[in-house]
Amino acid sequence: MDPVLLLDVILLLLAVAAAFTAITLRNLLGSVMMMGIYSLLLAVIWADLFAMDVSITEASIGAGASTILLLMALTRTGTRERKSGDHSLPALIVVVLTGLVLIQGTSELPRFGDPEAPAHRHVAPQYLAQQVPKVAPPSEAMGPAPQPAPVGEDAPGNFGHHVPNTVTAVLAAYRGYDTMFETVVIFSAGMCLLLLLRPLPRKQEESIDE
């Protein structure tokens, strides 16, 4: 068996086990810890899929900021969940149907690493043609070599012609809005944590204790 595929399967099973444990635990502190482990496993999975920007965001927000935020909430609410016999059957049906739709949608996606995938046939060649002056001859699976984009300010889609690094050009130009708002999310999470972790005035602490 391919060791990379084996690693992916193990990480996926661990993530599913962590999510299931977080849902079923009655101890809220343990549930928060399992959610942090789940987010950390997802960050490793994204890194294994070479989605480093998503991995960094998941690790910082999911495993880091969200875990600290939930731990701070537990200091105000307690660590034990109250037993409740209420179960919503319509909610369960909606969740199951949504999961089936998502599974059906992923079954039609191209195989991971497939050179015939639309992203490799159309999007990536355009990026490379605008960033790399001379592209190496492609293999038979990749099809014809992309032609260099026209040079100049009026060239269509020529966002990063002046950037020598392809990855930098993609993140800063083609995915500029995505990268900008990811930075905004991380900054907002940090500011919220600073506000929550700030020391309370003595009078406010006494009113909370009462």
Foldseek 3Di string as FASTA:
>chain_A
DPVLVVVLVVLVVLLVVLQVCLVPDQFPLSSLQSQLVNLLSVLVNCVSLVVNVVSVLSNCVRNNLVSVVVVLVCVQVPGGHDDDPDDDPVVVVVVVVVVVVVVVVVVPADDRPQLPHPCNQPVVLQLCLLAPVDDDADDVRNPGHRHRFDDDPPTPPNFPSVPNDSVCCCCCTVVNVVNVVSVVVSVVSVVVVCVSPDDDDPVVVVVSVD
